[in-house]
Amino acid sequence: MNSWILCRPEEVPHHLRGRGIPLVLVPLLPDELGETLGLNRVIPGIDSEDEPLLALAARGRNPSVIARELNLSVRTVQRRLVRLCRRFDLESRAELAAFLAERGF
């Protein structure tokens, strides 16, 4: 079993400096994780116009918030969410949010 230490370069003990491996830590924003890990946000049967709606639904936004942010009527958002739930055989918006989160939305 190997052991490792994580420290700044200037803190590496002198006798171990030749064995150091360069390492870069990059903080990611939540929206960057799926893209960075190569998760595919394309779901068969999803129109590109639905993607902004899906991104907001995946974050648990309610239809009135989604409608306001996308400049749509609440009824339009509700219809589109119901249509998407039916398409993927999901029972609720909570199931839709989980389904989308698993797919990088």
PDB file of N, CA and C in Angstrom:
ATOM      1  N   MET A   1       0.836  -1.182   0.000  1.00  0.00           N
ATOM      2  CA  MET A   1       0.000   0.000   0.000  1.00  0.00           C
ATOM      3  C   MET A   1       0.879   1.243   0.000  1.00  0.00           C
ATOM      4  N   ASN A   2       0.544   2.207  -0.851  1.00  0.00           N
ATOM      5  CA  ASN A   2       1.290   3.459  -0.915  1.00  0.00           C
ATOM      6  C   ASN A   2       0.638   4.494  -0.014  1.00  0.00           C
ATOM      7  N   SER A   3       1.440   5.363   0.501  1.00  0.00           N
ATOM      8  CA  SER A   3       0.949   6.513   1.259  1.00  0.00           C
ATOM      9  C   SER A   3       1.328   7.769   0.500  1.00  0.00           C
ATOM     10  N   TRP A   4       0.517   8.787   0.651  1.00  0.00           N
ATOM     11  CA  TRP A   4       0.736  10.043  -0.046  1.00  0.00           C
ATOM     12  C   TRP A   4       0.624  11.194   0.929  1.00  0.00           C
ATOM     13  N   ILE A   5       1.301  12.294   0.606  1.00  0.00           N
ATOM     14  CA  ILE A   5       1.077  13.547   1.319  1.00  0.00           C
ATOM     15  C   ILE A   5       0.688  14.594   0.282  1.00  0.00           C
ATOM     16  N   LEU A   6      -0.158  15.498   0.694  1.00  0.00           N
ATOM     17  CA  LEU A   6      -0.582  16.585  -0.184  1.00  0.00           C
ATOM     18  C   LEU A   6      -0.147  17.882   0.489  1.00  0.00           C
ATOM     19  N   CYS A   7       0.697  18.621  -0.196  1.00  0.00           N
ATOM     20  CA  CYS A   7       1.181  19.879   0.366  1.00  0.00           C
ATOM     21  C   CYS A   7       1.619  20.817  -0.753  1.00  0.00           C
ATOM     22  N   ARG A   8       1.845  22.051  -0.391  1.00  0.00           N
ATOM     23  CA  ARG A   8       2.339  23.019  -1.372  1.00  0.00           C
ATOM     24  C   ARG A   8       3.776  22.663  -1.749  1.00  0.00           C
ATOM     25  N   PRO A   9       4.196  23.002  -2.970  1.00  0.00           N
ATOM     26  CA  PRO A   9       5.541  22.618  -3.418  1.00  0.00           C
ATOM     27  C   PRO A   9       6.652  23.042  -2.461  1.00  0.00           C
ATOM     28  N   GLU A  10       6.529  24.232  -1.895  1.00  0.00           N
ATOM     29  CA  GLU A  10       7.598  24.708  -1.001  1.00  0.00           C
ATOM     30  C   GLU A  10       7.623  23.964   0.334  1.00  0.00           C
ATOM     31  N   GLU A  11       6.581  23.175   0.617  1.00  0.00           N
ATOM     32  CA  GLU A  11       6.524  22.423   1.870  1.00  0.00           C
ATOM     33  C   GLU A  11       6.989  20.976   1.741  1.00  0.00           C
ATOM     34  N   VAL A  12       7.291  20.542   0.511  1.00  0.00           N
ATOM     35  CA  VAL A  12       7.762  19.168   0.314  1.00  0.00           C
ATOM     36  C   VAL A  12       9.121  19.025   0.989  1.00  0.00           C
ATOM     37  N   PRO A  13       9.283  18.024   1.841  1.00  0.00           N
ATOM     38  CA  PRO A  13      10.595  17.813   2.469  1.00  0.00           C
ATOM     39  C   PRO A  13      11.680  17.666   1.407  1.00  0.00           C
ATOM     40  N   HIS A  14      12.824  18.248   1.693  1.00  0.00           N
ATOM     41  CA  HIS A  14      13.912  18.300   0.710  1.00  0.00           C
ATOM     42  C   HIS A  14      14.262  16.915   0.159  1.00  0.00           C
ATOM     43  N   HIS A  15      14.319  15.917   1.011  1.00  0.00           N
ATOM     44  CA  HIS A  15      14.729  14.576   0.564  1.00  0.00           C
ATOM     45  C   HIS A  15      13.666  13.890  -0.306  1.00  0.00           C
ATOM     46  N   LEU A  16      12.452  14.462  -0.406  1.00  0.00           N
ATOM     47  CA  LEU A  16      11.385  13.869  -1.223  1.00  0.00           C
ATOM     48  C   LEU A  16      11.092  14.660  -2.503  1.00  0.00           C
ATOM     49  N   ARG A  17      11.746  15.781  -2.701  1.00  0.00           N
ATOM     50  CA  ARG A  17      11.401  16.663  -3.832  1.00  0.00           C
ATOM     51  C   ARG A  17      11.531  16.008  -5.190  1.00  0.00           C
ATOM     52  N   GLY A  18      12.424  15.108  -5.379  1.00  0.00           N
ATOM     53  CA  GLY A  18      12.587  14.455  -6.671  1.00  0.00           C
ATOM     54  C   GLY A  18      11.456  13.485  -6.998  1.00  0.00           C
ATOM     55  N   ARG A  19      10.672  13.127  -6.010  1.00  0.00           N
ATOM     56  CA  ARG A  19       9.590  12.161  -6.226  1.00  0.00           C
ATOM     57  C   ARG A  19       8.225  12.824  -6.353  1.00  0.00           C
ATOM     58  N   GLY A  20       8.164  14.128  -6.285  1.00  0.00           N
ATOM     59  CA  GLY A  20       6.886  14.838  -6.350  1.00  0.00           C
ATOM     60  C   GLY A  20       6.225  14.728  -7.711  1.00  0.00           C
ATOM     61  N   ILE A  21       4.929  14.693  -7.707  1.00  0.00           N
ATOM     62  CA  ILE A  21       4.127  14.638  -8.927  1.00  0.00           C
ATOM     63  C   ILE A  21       3.333  15.934  -9.019  1.00  0.00           C
ATOM     64  N   PRO A  22       3.409  16.640 -10.160  1.00  0.00           N
ATOM     65  CA  PRO A  22       2.625  17.874 -10.279  1.00  0.00           C
ATOM     66  C   PRO A  22       1.127  17.568 -10.173  1.00  0.00           C
ATOM     67  N   LEU A  23       0.439  18.421  -9.479  1.00  0.00           N
ATOM     68  CA  LEU A  23      -0.991  18.231  -9.262  1.00  0.00           C
ATOM     69  C   LEU A  23      -1.662  19.586  -9.315  1.00  0.00           C
ATOM     70  N   VAL A  24      -2.782  19.638 -10.002  1.00  0.00           N
ATOM     71  CA  VAL A  24      -3.534  20.882 -10.103  1.00  0.00           C
ATOM     72  C   VAL A  24      -4.945  20.610  -9.612  1.00  0.00           C
ATOM     73  N   LEU A  25      -5.441  21.429  -8.692  1.00  0.00           N
ATOM     74  CA  LEU A  25      -6.810  21.340  -8.215  1.00  0.00           C
ATOM     75  C   LEU A  25      -7.578  22.517  -8.792  1.00  0.00           C
ATOM     76  N   VAL A  26      -8.657  22.229  -9.467  1.00  0.00           N
ATOM     77  CA  VAL A  26      -9.461  23.271 -10.097  1.00  0.00           C
ATOM     78  C   VAL A  26     -10.875  23.203  -9.522  1.00  0.00           C
ATOM     79  N   PRO A  27     -11.313  24.243  -8.834  1.00  0.00           N
ATOM     80  CA  PRO A  27     -12.694  24.223  -8.333  1.00  0.00           C
ATOM     81  C   PRO A  27     -13.673  24.381  -9.495  1.00  0.00           C
ATOM     82  N   LEU A  28     -14.729  23.587  -9.473  1.00  0.00           N
ATOM     83  CA  LEU A  28     -15.730  23.643 -10.533  1.00  0.00           C
ATOM     84  C   LEU A  28     -17.040  24.205  -9.997  1.00  0.00           C
ATOM     85  N   LEU A  29     -17.700  24.965 -10.839  1.00  0.00           N
ATOM     86  CA  LEU A  29     -19.046  25.411 -10.532  1.00  0.00           C
ATOM     87  C   LEU A  29     -19.993  24.257 -10.818  1.00  0.00           C
ATOM     88  N   PRO A  30     -21.157  24.216 -10.173  1.00  0.00           N
ATOM     89  CA  PRO A  30     -22.068  23.084 -10.411  1.00  0.00           C
ATOM     90  C   PRO A  30     -22.398  22.864 -11.883  1.00  0.00           C
ATOM     91  N   ASP A  31     -22.565  23.938 -12.644  1.00  0.00           N
ATOM     92  CA  ASP A  31     -22.909  23.793 -14.063  1.00  0.00           C
ATOM     93  C   ASP A  31     -21.755  23.238 -14.895  1.00  0.00           C
ATOM     94  N   GLU A  32     -20.536  23.312 -14.385  1.00  0.00           N
ATOM     95  CA  GLU A  32     -19.377  22.864 -15.150  1.00  0.00           C
ATOM     96  C   GLU A  32     -19.058  21.383 -14.950  1.00  0.00           C
ATOM     97  N   LEU A  33     -19.601  20.780 -13.927  1.00  0.00           N
ATOM     98  CA  LEU A  33     -19.237  19.413 -13.582  1.00  0.00           C
ATOM     99  C   LEU A  33     -19.569  18.421 -14.693  1.00  0.00           C
ATOM    100  N   GLY A  34     -20.804  18.425 -15.170  1.00  0.00           N
ATOM    101  CA  GLY A  34     -21.200  17.468 -16.197  1.00  0.00           C
ATOM    102  C   GLY A  34     -20.384  17.597 -17.467  1.00  0.00           C
ATOM    103  N   GLU A  35     -20.177  18.822 -17.907  1.00  0.00           N
ATOM    104  CA  GLU A  35     -19.399  19.046 -19.129  1.00  0.00           C
ATOM    105  C   GLU A  35     -17.954  18.593 -18.945  1.00  0.00           C
ATOM    106  N   THR A  36     -17.366  18.911 -17.798  1.00  0.00           N
ATOM    107  CA  THR A  36     -15.973  18.568 -17.536  1.00  0.00           C
ATOM    108  C   THR A  36     -15.766  17.063 -17.455  1.00  0.00           C
ATOM    109  N   LEU A  37     -16.731  16.366 -16.876  1.00  0.00           N
ATOM    110  CA  LEU A  37     -16.616  14.913 -16.753  1.00  0.00           C
ATOM    111  C   LEU A  37     -17.089  14.178 -17.997  1.00  0.00           C
ATOM    112  N   GLY A  38     -17.527  14.929 -19.001  1.00  0.00           N
ATOM    113  CA  GLY A  38     -17.962  14.311 -20.246  1.00  0.00           C
ATOM    114  C   GLY A  38     -19.341  13.700 -20.178  1.00  0.00           C
ATOM    115  N   LEU A  39     -20.135  14.118 -19.200  1.00  0.00           N
ATOM    116  CA  LEU A  39     -21.507  13.620 -19.138  1.00  0.00           C
ATOM    117  C   LEU A  39     -22.281  14.218 -20.296  1.00  0.00           C
ATOM    118  N   ASN A  40     -23.044  13.419 -20.948  1.00  0.00           N
ATOM    119  CA  ASN A  40     -23.782  13.867 -22.115  1.00  0.00           C
ATOM    120  C   ASN A  40     -25.146  14.377 -21.691  1.00  0.00           C
ATOM    121  N   ARG A  41     -25.411  15.649 -21.961  1.00  0.00           N
ATOM    122  CA  ARG A  41     -26.695  16.233 -21.596  1.00  0.00           C
ATOM    123  C   ARG A  41     -27.752  15.980 -22.662  1.00  0.00           C
ATOM    124  N   VAL A  42     -27.398  15.291 -23.705  1.00  0.00           N
ATOM    125  CA  VAL A  42     -28.376  15.019 -24.754  1.00  0.00           C
ATOM    126  C   VAL A  42     -29.190  13.799 -24.347  1.00  0.00           C
ATOM    127  N   ILE A  43     -30.494  13.986 -24.315  1.00  0.00           N
ATOM    128  CA  ILE A  43     -31.405  12.896 -24.004  1.00  0.00           C
ATOM    129  C   ILE A  43     -32.280  12.716 -25.239  1.00  0.00           C
ATOM    130  N   PRO A  44     -32.340  11.504 -25.771  1.00  0.00           N
ATOM    131  CA  PRO A  44     -33.176  11.303 -26.961  1.00  0.00           C
ATOM    132  C   PRO A  44     -34.598  11.805 -26.715  1.00  0.00           C
ATOM    133  N   GLY A  45     -35.132  12.497 -27.696  1.00  0.00           N
ATOM    134  CA  GLY A  45     -36.497  12.988 -27.593  1.00  0.00           C
ATOM    135  C   GLY A  45     -36.624  14.371 -26.984  1.00  0.00           C
ATOM    136  N   ILE A  46     -35.510  14.991 -26.640  1.00  0.00           N
ATOM    137  CA  ILE A  46     -35.544  16.331 -26.052  1.00  0.00           C
ATOM    138  C   ILE A  46     -35.203  17.354 -27.125  1.00  0.00           C
ATOM    139  N   ASP A  47     -36.068  18.341 -27.277  1.00  0.00           N
ATOM    140  CA  ASP A  47     -35.802  19.431 -28.202  1.00  0.00           C
ATOM    141  C   ASP A  47     -34.828  20.406 -27.562  1.00  0.00           C
ATOM    142  N   SER A  48     -34.026  21.063 -28.394  1.00  0.00           N
ATOM    143  CA  SER A  48     -33.069  22.031 -27.856  1.00  0.00           C
ATOM    144  C   SER A  48     -33.783  23.178 -27.138  1.00  0.00           C
ATOM    145  N   GLU A  49     -35.015  23.466 -27.528  1.00  0.00           N
ATOM    146  CA  GLU A  49     -35.762  24.532 -26.846  1.00  0.00           C
ATOM    147  C   GLU A  49     -36.181  24.121 -25.433  1.00  0.00           C
ATOM    148  N   ASP A  50     -36.193  22.820 -25.156  1.00  0.00           N
ATOM    149  CA  ASP A  50     -36.534  22.342 -23.813  1.00  0.00           C
ATOM    150  C   ASP A  50     -35.346  22.370 -22.854  1.00  0.00           C
ATOM    151  N   GLU A  51     -34.129  22.477 -23.368  1.00  0.00           N
ATOM    152  CA  GLU A  51     -32.954  22.403 -22.506  1.00  0.00           C
ATOM    153  C   GLU A  51     -32.932  23.457 -21.397  1.00  0.00           C
ATOM    154  N   PRO A  52     -33.221  24.737 -21.675  1.00  0.00           N
ATOM    155  CA  PRO A  52     -33.231  25.703 -20.557  1.00  0.00           C
ATOM    156  C   PRO A  52     -34.283  25.349 -19.505  1.00  0.00           C
ATOM    157  N   LEU A  53     -35.436  24.880 -19.948  1.00  0.00           N
ATOM    158  CA  LEU A  53     -36.484  24.465 -19.026  1.00  0.00           C
ATOM    159  C   LEU A  53     -36.006  23.279 -18.192  1.00  0.00           C
ATOM    160  N   LEU A  54     -35.364  22.330 -18.818  1.00  0.00           N
ATOM    161  CA  LEU A  54     -34.871  21.155 -18.109  1.00  0.00           C
ATOM    162  C   LEU A  54     -33.788  21.511 -17.102  1.00  0.00           C
ATOM    163  N   ALA A  55     -32.911  22.428 -17.474  1.00  0.00           N
ATOM    164  CA  ALA A  55     -31.849  22.839 -16.548  1.00  0.00           C
ATOM    165  C   ALA A  55     -32.449  23.437 -15.283  1.00  0.00           C
ATOM    166  N   LEU A  56     -33.492  24.240 -15.425  1.00  0.00           N
ATOM    167  CA  LEU A  56     -34.144  24.841 -14.256  1.00  0.00           C
ATOM    168  C   LEU A  56     -34.941  23.794 -13.474  1.00  0.00           C
ATOM    169  N   ALA A  57     -35.617  22.887 -14.165  1.00  0.00           N
ATOM    170  CA  ALA A  57     -36.372  21.832 -13.495  1.00  0.00           C
ATOM    171  C   ALA A  57     -35.442  20.907 -12.712  1.00  0.00           C
ATOM    172  N   ALA A  58     -34.260  20.646 -13.267  1.00  0.00           N
ATOM    173  CA  ALA A  58     -33.285  19.789 -12.582  1.00  0.00           C
ATOM    174  C   ALA A  58     -32.830  20.401 -11.269  1.00  0.00           C
ATOM    175  N   ARG A  59     -32.874  21.708 -11.183  1.00  0.00           N
ATOM    176  CA  ARG A  59     -32.487  22.396  -9.949  1.00  0.00           C
ATOM    177  C   ARG A  59     -33.660  22.536  -8.977  1.00  0.00           C
ATOM    178  N   GLY A  60     -34.799  21.950  -9.335  1.00  0.00           N
ATOM    179  CA  GLY A  60     -35.950  21.966  -8.449  1.00  0.00           C
ATOM    180  C   GLY A  60     -36.783  23.233  -8.489  1.00  0.00           C
ATOM    181  N   ARG A  61     -36.590  24.058  -9.526  1.00  0.00           N
ATOM    182  CA  ARG A  61     -37.387  25.285  -9.635  1.00  0.00           C
ATOM    183  C   ARG A  61     -38.841  24.937  -9.921  1.00  0.00           C
ATOM    184  N   ASN A  62     -39.754  25.683  -9.351  1.00  0.00           N
ATOM    185  CA  ASN A  62     -41.171  25.413  -9.603  1.00  0.00           C
ATOM    186  C   ASN A  62     -41.600  26.079 -10.913  1.00  0.00           C
ATOM    187  N   PRO A  63     -42.743  25.674 -11.467  1.00  0.00           N
ATOM    188  CA  PRO A  63     -43.167  26.183 -12.779  1.00  0.00           C
ATOM    189  C   PRO A  63     -43.278  27.705 -12.854  1.00  0.00           C
ATOM    190  N   SER A  64     -43.701  28.364 -11.796  1.00  0.00           N
ATOM    191  CA  SER A  64     -43.829  29.824 -11.873  1.00  0.00           C
ATOM    192  C   SER A  64     -42.457  30.496 -11.975  1.00  0.00           C
ATOM    193  N   VAL A  65     -41.464  29.959 -11.289  1.00  0.00           N
ATOM    194  CA  VAL A  65     -40.099  30.509 -11.381  1.00  0.00           C
ATOM    195  C   VAL A  65     -39.529  30.240 -12.769  1.00  0.00           C
ATOM    196  N   ILE A  66     -39.722  29.034 -13.261  1.00  0.00           N
ATOM    197  CA  ILE A  66     -39.237  28.682 -14.605  1.00  0.00           C
ATOM    198  C   ILE A  66     -39.894  29.595 -15.641  1.00  0.00           C
ATOM    199  N   ALA A  67     -41.205  29.788 -15.512  1.00  0.00           N
ATOM    200  CA  ALA A  67     -41.933  30.643 -16.457  1.00  0.00           C
ATOM    201  C   ALA A  67     -41.375  32.062 -16.446  1.00  0.00           C
ATOM    202  N   ARG A  68     -41.146  32.585 -15.282  1.00  0.00           N
ATOM    203  CA  ARG A  68     -40.624  33.950 -15.175  1.00  0.00           C
ATOM    204  C   ARG A  68     -39.228  34.057 -15.790  1.00  0.00           C
ATOM    205  N   GLU A  69     -38.363  33.087 -15.494  1.00  0.00           N
ATOM    206  CA  GLU A  69     -36.986  33.135 -16.001  1.00  0.00           C
ATOM    207  C   GLU A  69     -36.903  32.930 -17.512  1.00  0.00           C
ATOM    208  N   LEU A  70     -37.840  32.157 -18.075  1.00  0.00           N
ATOM    209  CA  LEU A  70     -37.807  31.877 -19.515  1.00  0.00           C
ATOM    210  C   LEU A  70     -38.808  32.710 -20.308  1.00  0.00           C
ATOM    211  N   ASN A  71     -39.492  33.602 -19.612  1.00  0.00           N
ATOM    212  CA  ASN A  71     -40.482  34.468 -20.261  1.00  0.00           C
ATOM    213  C   ASN A  71     -41.559  33.643 -20.970  1.00  0.00           C
ATOM    214  N   LEU A  72     -42.090  32.653 -20.251  1.00  0.00           N
ATOM    215  CA  LEU A  72     -43.161  31.801 -20.746  1.00  0.00           C
ATOM    216  C   LEU A  72     -44.328  31.903 -19.780  1.00  0.00           C
ATOM    217  N   SER A  73     -45.480  31.428 -20.201  1.00  0.00           N
ATOM    218  CA  SER A  73     -46.606  31.377 -19.268  1.00  0.00           C
ATOM    219  C   SER A  73     -46.427  30.169 -18.343  1.00  0.00           C
ATOM    220  N   VAL A  74     -46.978  30.274 -17.158  1.00  0.00           N
ATOM    221  CA  VAL A  74     -46.904  29.169 -16.198  1.00  0.00           C
ATOM    222  C   VAL A  74     -47.555  27.922 -16.801  1.00  0.00           C
ATOM    223  N   ARG A  75     -48.682  28.120 -17.473  1.00  0.00           N
ATOM    224  CA  ARG A  75     -49.395  26.995 -18.084  1.00  0.00           C
ATOM    225  C   ARG A  75     -48.531  26.302 -19.145  1.00  0.00           C
ATOM    226  N   THR A  76     -47.794  27.064 -19.942  1.00  0.00           N
ATOM    227  CA  THR A  76     -46.900  26.472 -20.949  1.00  0.00           C
ATOM    228  C   THR A  76     -45.835  25.624 -20.270  1.00  0.00           C
ATOM    229  N   VAL A  77     -45.248  26.136 -19.210  1.00  0.00           N
ATOM    230  CA  VAL A  77     -44.217  25.388 -18.478  1.00  0.00           C
ATOM    231  C   VAL A  77     -44.817  24.111 -17.897  1.00  0.00           C
ATOM    232  N   GLN A  78     -45.982  24.214 -17.294  1.00  0.00           N
ATOM    233  CA  GLN A  78     -46.629  23.029 -16.721  1.00  0.00           C
ATOM    234  C   GLN A  78     -46.897  21.972 -17.785  1.00  0.00           C
ATOM    235  N   ARG A  79     -47.410  22.399 -18.944  1.00  0.00           N
ATOM    236  CA  ARG A  79     -47.683  21.449 -20.031  1.00  0.00           C
ATOM    237  C   ARG A  79     -46.404  20.763 -20.496  1.00  0.00           C
ATOM    238  N   ARG A  80     -45.348  21.550 -20.656  1.00  0.00           N
ATOM    239  CA  ARG A  80     -44.092  20.969 -21.128  1.00  0.00           C
ATOM    240  C   ARG A  80     -43.515  19.993 -20.097  1.00  0.00           C
ATOM    241  N   LEU A  81     -43.620  20.325 -18.816  1.00  0.00           N
ATOM    242  CA  LEU A  81     -43.125  19.425 -17.772  1.00  0.00           C
ATOM    243  C   LEU A  81     -43.934  18.132 -17.728  1.00  0.00           C
ATOM    244  N   VAL A  82     -45.244  18.237 -17.854  1.00  0.00           N
ATOM    245  CA  VAL A  82     -46.093  17.039 -17.878  1.00  0.00           C
ATOM    246  C   VAL A  82     -45.746  16.180 -19.088  1.00  0.00           C
ATOM    247  N   ARG A  83     -45.580  16.821 -20.242  1.00  0.00           N
ATOM    248  CA  ARG A  83     -45.221  16.080 -21.467  1.00  0.00           C
ATOM    249  C   ARG A  83     -43.893  15.339 -21.285  1.00  0.00           C
ATOM    250  N   LEU A  84     -42.919  15.998 -20.671  1.00  0.00           N
ATOM    251  CA  LEU A  84     -41.613  15.369 -20.457  1.00  0.00           C
ATOM    252  C   LEU A  84     -41.708  14.227 -19.444  1.00  0.00           C
ATOM    253  N   CYS A  85     -42.490  14.410 -18.393  1.00  0.00           N
ATOM    254  CA  CYS A  85     -42.678  13.329 -17.417  1.00  0.00           C
ATOM    255  C   CYS A  85     -43.300  12.107 -18.091  1.00  0.00           C
ATOM    256  N   ARG A  86     -44.301  12.335 -18.911  1.00  0.00           N
ATOM    257  CA  ARG A  86     -44.946  11.216 -19.629  1.00  0.00           C
ATOM    258  C   ARG A  86     -43.969  10.522 -20.567  1.00  0.00           C
ATOM    259  N   ARG A  87     -43.190  11.331 -21.276  1.00  0.00           N
ATOM    260  CA  ARG A  87     -42.248  10.765 -22.246  1.00  0.00           C
ATOM    261  C   ARG A  87     -41.271   9.800 -21.578  1.00  0.00           C
ATOM    262  N   PHE A  88     -40.859  10.127 -20.357  1.00  0.00           N
ATOM    263  CA  PHE A  88     -39.872   9.296 -19.670  1.00  0.00           C
ATOM    264  C   PHE A  88     -40.487   8.421 -18.576  1.00  0.00           C
ATOM    265  N   ASP A  89     -41.818   8.329 -18.591  1.00  0.00           N
ATOM    266  CA  ASP A  89     -42.549   7.471 -17.655  1.00  0.00           C
ATOM    267  C   ASP A  89     -42.213   7.823 -16.203  1.00  0.00           C
ATOM    268  N   LEU A  90     -42.274   9.106 -15.910  1.00  0.00           N
ATOM    269  CA  LEU A  90     -42.002   9.600 -14.560  1.00  0.00           C
ATOM    270  C   LEU A  90     -43.304  10.099 -13.948  1.00  0.00           C
ATOM    271  N   GLU A  91     -43.422   9.968 -12.645  1.00  0.00           N
ATOM    272  CA  GLU A  91     -44.670  10.290 -11.962  1.00  0.00           C
ATOM    273  C   GLU A  91     -44.760  11.731 -11.457  1.00  0.00           C
ATOM    274  N   SER A  92     -43.615  12.402 -11.279  1.00  0.00           N
ATOM    275  CA  SER A  92     -43.653  13.719 -10.644  1.00  0.00           C
ATOM    276  C   SER A  92     -42.490  14.589 -11.117  1.00  0.00           C
ATOM    277  N   ARG A  93     -42.586  15.874 -10.769  1.00  0.00           N
ATOM    278  CA  ARG A  93     -41.478  16.784 -11.090  1.00  0.00           C
ATOM    279  C   ARG A  93     -40.237  16.411 -10.288  1.00  0.00           C
ATOM    280  N   ALA A  94     -40.414  15.866  -9.089  1.00  0.00           N
ATOM    281  CA  ALA A  94     -39.260  15.426  -8.292  1.00  0.00           C
ATOM    282  C   ALA A  94     -38.525  14.286  -9.003  1.00  0.00           C
ATOM    283  N   GLU A  95     -39.287  13.344  -9.562  1.00  0.00           N
ATOM    284  CA  GLU A  95     -38.667  12.261 -10.333  1.00  0.00           C
ATOM    285  C   GLU A  95     -37.982  12.812 -11.577  1.00  0.00           C
ATOM    286  N   LEU A  96     -38.605  13.797 -12.214  1.00  0.00           N
ATOM    287  CA  LEU A  96     -37.998  14.417 -13.391  1.00  0.00           C
ATOM    288  C   LEU A  96     -36.685  15.086 -13.013  1.00  0.00           C
ATOM    289  N   ALA A  97     -36.666  15.813 -11.889  1.00  0.00           N
ATOM    290  CA  ALA A  97     -35.434  16.487 -11.437  1.00  0.00           C
ATOM    291  C   ALA A  97     -34.329  15.465 -11.186  1.00  0.00           C
ATOM    292  N   ALA A  98     -34.654  14.339 -10.545  1.00  0.00           N
ATOM    293  CA  ALA A  98     -33.644  13.299 -10.285  1.00  0.00           C
ATOM    294  C   ALA A  98     -33.157  12.684 -11.594  1.00  0.00           C
ATOM    295  N   PHE A  99     -34.084  12.408 -12.502  1.00  0.00           N
ATOM    296  CA  PHE A  99     -33.761  11.844 -13.819  1.00  0.00           C
ATOM    297  C   PHE A  99     -32.782  12.758 -14.553  1.00  0.00           C
ATOM    298  N   LEU A 100     -33.063  14.047 -14.525  1.00  0.00           N
ATOM    299  CA  LEU A 100     -32.209  15.011 -15.222  1.00  0.00           C
ATOM    300  C   LEU A 100     -30.857  15.156 -14.547  1.00  0.00           C
ATOM    301  N   ALA A 101     -30.850  15.164 -13.224  1.00  0.00           N
ATOM    302  CA  ALA A 101     -29.584  15.299 -12.490  1.00  0.00           C
ATOM    303  C   ALA A 101     -28.650  14.123 -12.798  1.00  0.00           C
ATOM    304  N   GLU A 102     -29.211  12.936 -12.932  1.00  0.00           N
ATOM    305  CA  GLU A 102     -28.409  11.765 -13.275  1.00  0.00           C
ATOM    306  C   GLU A 102     -27.788  11.888 -14.656  1.00  0.00           C
ATOM    307  N   ARG A 103     -28.351  12.743 -15.478  1.00  0.00           N
ATOM    308  CA  ARG A 103     -27.875  12.904 -16.849  1.00  0.00           C
ATOM    309  C   ARG A 103     -27.121  14.208 -17.070  1.00  0.00           C
ATOM    310  N   GLY A 104     -26.695  14.831 -15.987  1.00  0.00           N
ATOM    311  CA  GLY A 104     -25.817  15.995 -16.092  1.00  0.00           C
ATOM    312  C   GLY A 104     -26.484  17.335 -16.212  1.00  0.00           C
ATOM    313  N   PHE A 105     -27.791  17.423 -16.026  1.00  0.00           N
ATOM    314  CA  PHE A 105     -28.462  18.717 -16.104  1.00  0.00           C
ATOM    315  C   PHE A 105     -28.324  19.464 -14.803  1.00  0.00           C
TER     316      PHE A 105
END
